[in-house]
């Protein structure tokens, strides 16, 4: 089960093209934002927060569903980092709420 399932099959994720199309329909051009830009922004902001919460970088990579590049590490490390990922996602949710509140009066 996925948060953003495919419209064709609930056992697959929504495609990158679907998300980019939604951004175009909202009026954003390709030169302004693409779906992967949100992932890059999240990665950057979450990595900056590691020191505040003692979060291991691998937890962020796992949350973003990035594959391990090191063959040995990929073969042996199957950690899910669920506790850290919950902390990360709560921070992310709070961060988005703060952004929303700070712009609601504009």
Protein backbone atom coordinates (compact mmCIF):
# COMPACT_ATOMS: atom_id res chain seq x y z
CA UNK A 1 0.00 0.00 0.00
CA UNK A 2 1.31 3.42 -0.94
CA UNK A 3 0.52 6.96 0.12
CA UNK A 4 0.43 7.92 -3.57
CA UNK A 5 -0.71 4.80 -5.44
CA UNK A 6 -0.90 4.52 -9.20
CA UNK A 7 -4.28 5.35 -10.69
CA UNK A 8 -3.95 2.15 -12.71
CA UNK A 9 -2.89 -0.27 -9.98
CA UNK A 10 -2.88 -0.02 -6.18
CA UNK A 11 0.22 -2.22 -6.02
CA UNK A 12 2.36 0.37 -7.81
CA UNK A 13 3.34 3.92 -6.97
CA UNK A 14 2.11 7.01 -8.78
CA UNK A 15 4.43 7.76 -11.67
CA UNK A 16 6.81 10.70 -11.80
CA UNK A 17 5.01 11.84 -14.97
CA UNK A 18 1.67 11.98 -13.13
CA UNK A 19 3.17 14.21 -10.44
CA UNK A 20 4.93 16.45 -12.96
CA UNK A 21 1.69 16.75 -14.95
CA UNK A 22 -0.12 17.84 -11.79
CA UNK A 23 2.51 20.55 -11.25
CA UNK A 24 2.03 21.77 -14.85
CA UNK A 25 -1.76 21.90 -14.30
CA UNK A 26 -1.14 24.03 -11.20
CA UNK A 27 0.67 26.49 -13.46
CA UNK A 28 4.29 25.65 -12.67
CA UNK A 29 6.64 25.39 -15.63
CA UNK A 30 9.37 22.77 -16.02
CA UNK A 31 11.95 25.48 -15.34
CA UNK A 32 10.29 26.30 -11.99
CA UNK A 33 9.78 22.93 -10.29
CA UNK A 34 9.68 19.23 -11.07
CA UNK A 35 8.61 16.36 -8.84
CA UNK A 36 12.18 15.32 -8.10
CA UNK A 37 12.95 18.84 -6.91
CA UNK A 38 10.74 18.23 -3.86
CA UNK A 39 12.73 15.08 -3.05
CA UNK A 40 16.01 16.99 -3.39
CA UNK A 41 14.70 19.79 -1.17
CA UNK A 42 13.53 17.29 1.45
CA UNK A 43 16.87 15.48 1.39
CA UNK A 44 18.80 18.71 1.86
CA UNK A 45 16.62 20.03 4.68
CA UNK A 46 16.51 16.68 6.49
CA UNK A 47 20.28 16.23 6.25
CA UNK A 48 20.69 19.67 7.81
CA UNK A 49 18.58 18.49 10.77
CA UNK A 50 20.60 15.34 11.50
CA UNK A 51 22.74 16.95 14.19
CA UNK A 52 19.70 18.31 16.07
CA UNK A 53 18.09 14.89 16.42
CA UNK A 54 20.99 12.44 16.21
CA UNK A 55 19.59 10.92 13.02
CA UNK A 56 21.81 8.71 10.87
CA UNK A 57 22.07 9.75 7.23
CA UNK A 58 21.05 6.23 6.20
CA UNK A 59 17.61 6.84 7.74
CA UNK A 60 17.04 9.74 5.35
CA UNK A 61 18.21 7.71 2.38
CA UNK A 62 15.91 4.85 3.39
CA UNK A 63 12.98 7.28 3.77
CA UNK A 64 13.60 8.57 0.26
CA UNK A 65 13.78 4.95 -1.00
CA UNK A 66 17.31 5.44 -2.31
CA UNK A 67 19.17 2.23 -3.09
CA UNK A 68 22.44 1.61 -1.28
CA UNK A 69 25.35 2.16 -3.69
CA UNK A 70 27.83 0.04 -1.78
CA UNK A 71 27.34 -3.59 -2.73
CA UNK A 72 28.62 -4.85 0.61
CA UNK A 73 26.49 -2.45 2.64
CA UNK A 74 23.43 -3.26 0.53
CA UNK A 75 23.99 -6.97 1.07
CA UNK A 76 24.35 -6.74 4.85
CA UNK A 77 22.45 -3.67 6.04
CA UNK A 78 18.70 -4.24 5.93
CA UNK A 79 17.86 -1.76 8.70
CA UNK A 80 14.63 0.16 8.25
CA UNK A 81 15.46 2.97 10.75
CA UNK A 82 11.77 3.26 11.64
CA UNK A 83 12.27 5.22 14.89
CA UNK A 84 14.51 7.76 13.16
CA UNK A 85 12.21 7.97 10.14
CA UNK A 86 9.24 8.73 12.37
CA UNK A 87 11.22 11.57 13.95
CA UNK A 88 12.19 12.84 10.49
CA UNK A 89 8.64 12.74 9.17
CA UNK A 90 7.25 14.46 12.27
CA UNK A 91 9.87 17.19 11.85
CA UNK A 92 8.95 17.46 8.15
CA UNK A 93 5.24 17.70 8.96
CA UNK A 94 5.89 20.39 11.58
CA UNK A 95 8.13 22.26 9.14
CA UNK A 96 5.41 22.26 6.45
CA UNK A 97 2.82 23.40 9.00
CA UNK A 98 5.09 26.30 9.99
CA UNK A 99 5.50 27.30 6.35
CA UNK A 100 1.75 27.18 5.83
CA UNK A 101 1.08 29.29 8.93
CA UNK A 102 3.75 31.84 8.06
CA UNK A 103 2.25 32.43 4.61
CA UNK A 104 -1.45 32.31 5.52
CA UNK A 105 -1.58 36.04 6.19
CA UNK A 106 -0.05 37.09 2.88
